[in-house]
């Protein structure tokens, strides 16, 4: 499976962000990628009112992403915002292409480090997996990476690859936490983890939002045994990597942490 990570700096305009997605997707497809993953909040960055930019899954932004996936022949995953009751939105991954059309609403909201995502975002209610080209895929978003039980559940539900879009908040030690957590979740679930973050706005000369998680970059592809096989730096970029889904099976045979769980106690 050839997977591309499109690390970008989302702005405030969904239309301009869609243009950036289009360029990256076309490049990835030309390089043979069949799955292209974009960050959380690819539609519009955090730090602005989200209600005015939120659109339903059959709205113009999502429709354009579906058409892009169909035209390029890829499975495309991108973060957007959809309306929710009570004036809030949902932090949604649109997952479309190659016979798949579903979505995942972020389960664990980022109420940490002085930021309260739940003030404006409603949590999701379901774990989501899909199958593309015979490979089980699981989905998680950013702060979800701090919850190993989700990744083990995705593995139980058939995922051998977990796609993890993010807009990781900056701060002391946050880059180290990001890498540690992504690698740990790969080991917990003996899954590939493809972690795609927003690039650091400072890398393109933009000041970071003072109170919102706008990204630090450092997207990576991590093997089921926790090895970082490929990575990007802080700035925008496109990373295309080959994954062997069967490595998950071999890792589970060698280190059967899923099979060895004490479900009778824990």
Protein backbone atom coordinates (compact mmCIF):
# COMPACT_ATOMS: atom_id res chain seq x y z
CA UNK A 1 0.00 0.00 0.00
CA UNK A 2 1.41 3.36 -1.07
CA UNK A 3 0.27 6.12 1.31
CA UNK A 4 0.88 9.86 1.07
CA UNK A 5 0.93 12.40 3.90
CA UNK A 6 0.03 15.95 2.88
CA UNK A 7 1.44 18.17 5.64
CA UNK A 8 0.23 21.72 5.18
CA UNK A 9 -0.54 24.97 6.97
CA UNK A 10 -4.28 25.48 6.80
CA UNK A 11 -5.53 29.03 6.64
CA UNK A 12 -8.92 30.52 7.38
CA UNK A 13 -10.39 30.08 3.88
CA UNK A 14 -11.89 26.66 3.08
CA UNK A 15 -11.61 27.45 -0.63
CA UNK A 16 -7.89 28.20 -0.44
CA UNK A 17 -7.30 25.13 1.70
CA UNK A 18 -9.18 23.01 -0.84
CA UNK A 19 -6.86 24.31 -3.55
CA UNK A 20 -3.84 23.20 -1.49
CA UNK A 21 -5.42 19.76 -0.97
CA UNK A 22 -6.01 19.48 -4.68
CA UNK A 23 -2.41 20.23 -5.57
CA UNK A 24 -1.03 17.78 -3.00
CA UNK A 25 -3.50 15.04 -3.96
CA UNK A 26 -2.66 15.33 -7.65
CA UNK A 27 1.05 15.11 -6.86
CA UNK A 28 0.53 12.11 -4.59
CA UNK A 29 -1.59 10.28 -7.16
CA UNK A 30 1.01 10.95 -9.85
CA UNK A 31 3.56 9.33 -7.52
CA UNK A 32 1.44 6.21 -7.23
CA UNK A 33 -0.23 6.80 -3.87
CA UNK A 34 -3.59 5.10 -3.37
CA UNK A 35 -4.27 6.68 0.04
CA UNK A 36 -3.71 10.38 0.78
CA UNK A 37 -4.02 11.71 4.34
CA UNK A 38 -4.35 15.37 5.27
CA UNK A 39 -4.36 16.93 8.75
CA UNK A 40 -7.10 17.62 11.20
CA UNK A 41 -8.66 21.02 10.46
CA UNK A 42 -7.57 20.84 6.82
CA UNK A 43 -10.77 22.70 5.92
CA UNK A 44 -9.94 25.66 8.19
CA UNK A 45 -7.49 26.09 11.03
CA UNK A 46 -8.27 26.34 14.71
CA UNK A 47 -8.28 29.78 16.32
CA UNK A 48 -11.21 31.18 14.34
CA UNK A 49 -14.98 30.84 14.89
CA UNK A 50 -15.76 27.38 13.57
CA UNK A 51 -19.53 27.66 13.25
CA UNK A 52 -19.45 29.89 10.16
CA UNK A 53 -17.13 27.53 8.24
CA UNK A 54 -18.81 24.24 9.23
CA UNK A 55 -20.66 22.45 6.43
CA UNK A 56 -22.66 19.21 6.28
CA UNK A 57 -21.13 16.12 4.73
CA UNK A 58 -23.14 16.75 1.56
CA UNK A 59 -22.09 20.41 1.42
CA UNK A 60 -19.89 22.02 -1.24
CA UNK A 61 -16.52 21.48 0.48
CA UNK A 62 -17.04 17.78 1.14
CA UNK A 63 -18.55 17.31 -2.32
CA UNK A 64 -15.46 18.86 -3.91
CA UNK A 65 -13.21 16.56 -1.87
CA UNK A 66 -15.22 13.53 -3.01
CA UNK A 67 -14.88 14.59 -6.63
CA UNK A 68 -11.14 15.08 -6.16
CA UNK A 69 -10.80 11.58 -4.71
CA UNK A 70 -12.82 10.10 -7.56
CA UNK A 71 -10.88 11.99 -10.24
CA UNK A 72 -7.47 11.00 -8.88
CA UNK A 73 -8.42 7.44 -7.89
CA UNK A 74 -7.29 7.72 -4.26
CA UNK A 75 -8.79 7.20 -0.84
CA UNK A 76 -8.65 10.69 0.61
CA UNK A 77 -8.83 11.56 4.32
CA UNK A 78 -9.15 15.20 5.39
CA UNK A 79 -10.23 17.03 8.51
CA UNK A 80 -13.24 19.32 8.34
CA UNK A 81 -15.95 20.73 10.60
CA UNK A 82 -19.60 19.73 10.42
CA UNK A 83 -22.58 21.29 12.21
CA UNK A 84 -23.68 19.88 15.57
CA UNK A 85 -26.64 20.66 17.84
CA UNK A 86 -26.49 23.52 20.30
CA UNK A 87 -24.36 25.81 18.17
CA UNK A 88 -21.27 23.61 18.32
CA UNK A 89 -19.56 21.76 15.48
CA UNK A 90 -18.06 18.30 15.11
CA UNK A 91 -14.39 17.75 14.35
CA UNK A 92 -14.84 15.38 11.43
CA UNK A 93 -12.60 13.31 9.19
CA UNK A 94 -14.07 12.92 5.72
CA UNK A 95 -12.99 9.52 4.37
CA UNK A 96 -13.79 9.04 0.70
CA UNK A 97 -12.67 7.27 -2.45
CA UNK A 98 -11.81 3.77 -3.72
CA UNK A 99 -15.24 2.48 -2.80
CA UNK A 100 -15.29 4.07 0.67
CA UNK A 101 -17.50 6.96 1.78
CA UNK A 102 -17.69 7.44 5.54
CA UNK A 103 -16.62 9.82 8.28
CA UNK A 104 -15.21 9.85 11.78
CA UNK A 105 -16.07 12.43 14.44
CA UNK A 106 -13.28 12.96 16.97
CA UNK A 107 -14.08 11.10 20.19
CA UNK A 108 -11.67 12.73 22.66
CA UNK A 109 -11.80 16.51 22.68
CA UNK A 110 -8.70 18.54 23.48
CA UNK A 111 -9.55 19.99 26.88
CA UNK A 112 -5.94 20.27 27.98
CA UNK A 113 -2.98 22.64 28.16
CA UNK A 114 -5.36 25.58 28.66
CA UNK A 115 -7.44 24.90 25.52
CA UNK A 116 -11.09 23.79 25.72
CA UNK A 117 -12.11 22.22 22.43
CA UNK A 118 -15.39 21.09 23.97
CA UNK A 119 -16.53 24.71 24.27
CA UNK A 120 -17.15 24.77 20.53
CA UNK A 121 -16.93 21.13 19.42
CA UNK A 122 -19.27 18.22 20.20
CA UNK A 123 -17.68 14.77 20.65
CA UNK A 124 -18.23 11.86 18.31
CA UNK A 125 -20.01 8.71 19.39
CA UNK A 126 -18.56 5.85 17.33
CA UNK A 127 -15.35 4.05 16.46
CA UNK A 128 -14.78 3.91 12.70
CA UNK A 129 -12.93 1.46 10.50
CA UNK A 130 -13.05 0.92 6.74
CA UNK A 131 -11.47 -1.39 4.21
CA UNK A 132 -9.61 -0.25 1.12
CA UNK A 133 -7.94 -2.61 -1.33
CA UNK A 134 -8.39 -5.43 1.16
CA UNK A 135 -6.62 -3.60 4.01
CA UNK A 136 -8.37 -2.70 7.26
CA UNK A 137 -7.98 0.98 8.14
CA UNK A 138 -8.76 2.66 11.46
CA UNK A 139 -9.19 6.35 12.15
CA UNK A 140 -8.28 8.65 15.03
CA UNK A 141 -7.71 12.37 15.42
CA UNK A 142 -4.99 14.24 17.32
CA UNK A 143 -5.80 14.09 21.08
CA UNK A 144 -7.17 10.57 20.51
CA UNK A 145 -3.53 9.46 20.43
CA UNK A 146 -3.38 9.78 24.22
CA UNK A 147 -5.98 7.00 24.61
CA UNK A 148 -4.48 3.57 23.88
CA UNK A 149 -7.79 1.77 24.34
CA UNK A 150 -9.08 3.37 21.12
CA UNK A 151 -6.17 2.01 19.11
CA UNK A 152 -6.56 -1.46 20.56
CA UNK A 153 -10.27 -1.33 19.70
CA UNK A 154 -9.41 -0.34 16.12
CA UNK A 155 -7.07 -3.33 15.91
CA UNK A 156 -9.80 -5.59 17.31
CA UNK A 157 -12.12 -4.25 14.61
CA UNK A 158 -9.72 -5.27 11.86
CA UNK A 159 -7.40 -2.31 11.39
CA UNK A 160 -3.84 -3.02 10.37
CA UNK A 161 -3.18 0.64 9.53
CA UNK A 162 -4.42 3.59 11.63
CA UNK A 163 -4.63 6.99 9.96
CA UNK A 164 -4.14 9.80 12.49
CA UNK A 165 -4.68 13.38 11.27
CA UNK A 166 -3.73 16.03 13.84
CA UNK A 167 -3.25 19.71 14.55
CA UNK A 168 -0.84 19.29 17.44
CA UNK A 169 -0.47 22.16 19.88
CA UNK A 170 2.97 23.70 20.26
CA UNK A 171 4.78 24.11 23.57
CA UNK A 172 7.68 22.82 25.65
CA UNK A 173 8.10 19.10 25.16
CA UNK A 174 5.13 18.77 22.81
CA UNK A 175 7.16 17.50 19.84
CA UNK A 176 8.70 14.81 22.04
CA UNK A 177 5.26 13.83 23.34
CA UNK A 178 3.90 13.62 19.80
CA UNK A 179 6.54 11.17 18.63
CA UNK A 180 6.44 9.13 21.83
CA UNK A 181 2.66 8.79 21.71
CA UNK A 182 2.47 7.90 18.03
CA UNK A 183 5.12 5.21 18.42
CA UNK A 184 3.52 3.88 21.60
CA UNK A 185 0.10 3.54 19.95
CA UNK A 186 1.66 1.59 17.09
CA UNK A 187 3.13 -0.79 19.65
CA UNK A 188 -0.09 -1.00 21.69
CA UNK A 189 -2.12 -2.06 18.68
CA UNK A 190 0.67 -3.62 16.59
CA UNK A 191 -0.62 -1.47 13.73
CA UNK A 192 0.99 0.86 11.27
CA UNK A 193 0.27 4.45 12.35
CA UNK A 194 0.30 7.14 9.70
CA UNK A 195 0.32 10.42 11.63
CA UNK A 196 -0.32 13.55 9.57
CA UNK A 197 -0.04 16.87 11.38
CA UNK A 198 -0.55 20.48 10.45
CA UNK A 199 2.77 22.10 9.59
CA UNK A 200 4.20 24.74 11.90
CA UNK A 201 2.86 28.17 10.81
CA UNK A 202 6.21 29.72 11.73
CA UNK A 203 7.81 27.63 8.98
CA UNK A 204 6.02 29.78 6.40
CA UNK A 205 6.42 33.05 8.28
CA UNK A 206 3.03 33.09 9.95
CA UNK A 207 2.65 33.74 13.67
CA UNK A 208 1.02 30.83 15.52
CA UNK A 209 -2.39 31.34 17.06
CA UNK A 210 -1.85 32.38 20.66
CA UNK A 211 -4.37 29.99 22.22
CA UNK A 212 -5.19 27.39 19.56
CA UNK A 213 -3.38 24.23 18.41
CA UNK A 214 -2.23 25.19 14.92
CA UNK A 215 0.39 22.51 14.38
CA UNK A 216 4.08 21.67 14.76
CA UNK A 217 4.59 19.43 11.71
CA UNK A 218 6.74 16.30 12.15
CA UNK A 219 4.31 13.92 10.50
CA UNK A 220 5.53 10.34 10.45
CA UNK A 221 4.93 6.78 9.35
CA UNK A 222 5.48 4.29 12.18
CA UNK A 223 5.70 0.52 11.83
CA UNK A 224 3.74 -1.98 13.96
CA UNK A 225 6.90 -2.41 16.05
CA UNK A 226 7.21 1.31 16.73
CA UNK A 227 9.92 2.16 14.21
CA UNK A 228 9.74 5.55 12.50
CA UNK A 229 10.10 4.57 8.85
CA UNK A 230 9.60 8.02 7.31
CA UNK A 231 9.03 11.54 8.57
CA UNK A 232 8.71 15.19 7.66
CA UNK A 233 10.08 18.25 9.40
CA UNK A 234 8.24 21.32 10.64
CA UNK A 235 7.31 22.84 7.30
CA UNK A 236 4.78 21.91 4.63
CA UNK A 237 5.58 18.89 2.51
CA UNK A 238 4.38 15.75 0.82
CA UNK A 239 5.64 12.36 2.01
CA UNK A 240 4.91 9.17 0.07
CA UNK A 241 5.73 5.87 1.74
CA UNK A 242 5.27 2.18 0.98
CA UNK A 243 3.57 0.13 3.71
CA UNK A 244 3.33 -3.65 3.89
CA UNK A 245 0.11 -4.34 5.83
CA UNK A 246 1.29 -7.90 6.43
CA UNK A 247 3.92 -6.47 8.79
CA UNK A 248 1.09 -5.99 11.26
CA UNK A 249 0.35 -9.71 11.14
CA UNK A 250 4.02 -10.58 11.62
CA UNK A 251 4.31 -8.14 14.53
CA UNK A 252 1.26 -9.65 16.19
CA UNK A 253 2.76 -13.12 15.86
CA UNK A 254 6.06 -11.96 17.35
CA UNK A 255 4.63 -9.72 20.12
CA UNK A 256 1.04 -10.88 20.71
CA UNK A 257 0.02 -8.09 23.08
CA UNK A 258 -3.52 -8.08 21.72
CA UNK A 259 -3.94 -11.82 22.28
CA UNK A 260 -2.23 -11.76 25.67
CA UNK A 261 -4.48 -9.13 27.24
CA UNK A 262 -6.02 -10.16 30.58
CA UNK A 263 -9.61 -9.41 29.69
CA UNK A 264 -10.70 -11.43 32.73
CA UNK A 265 -9.05 -8.84 34.99
CA UNK A 266 -8.83 -5.61 33.00
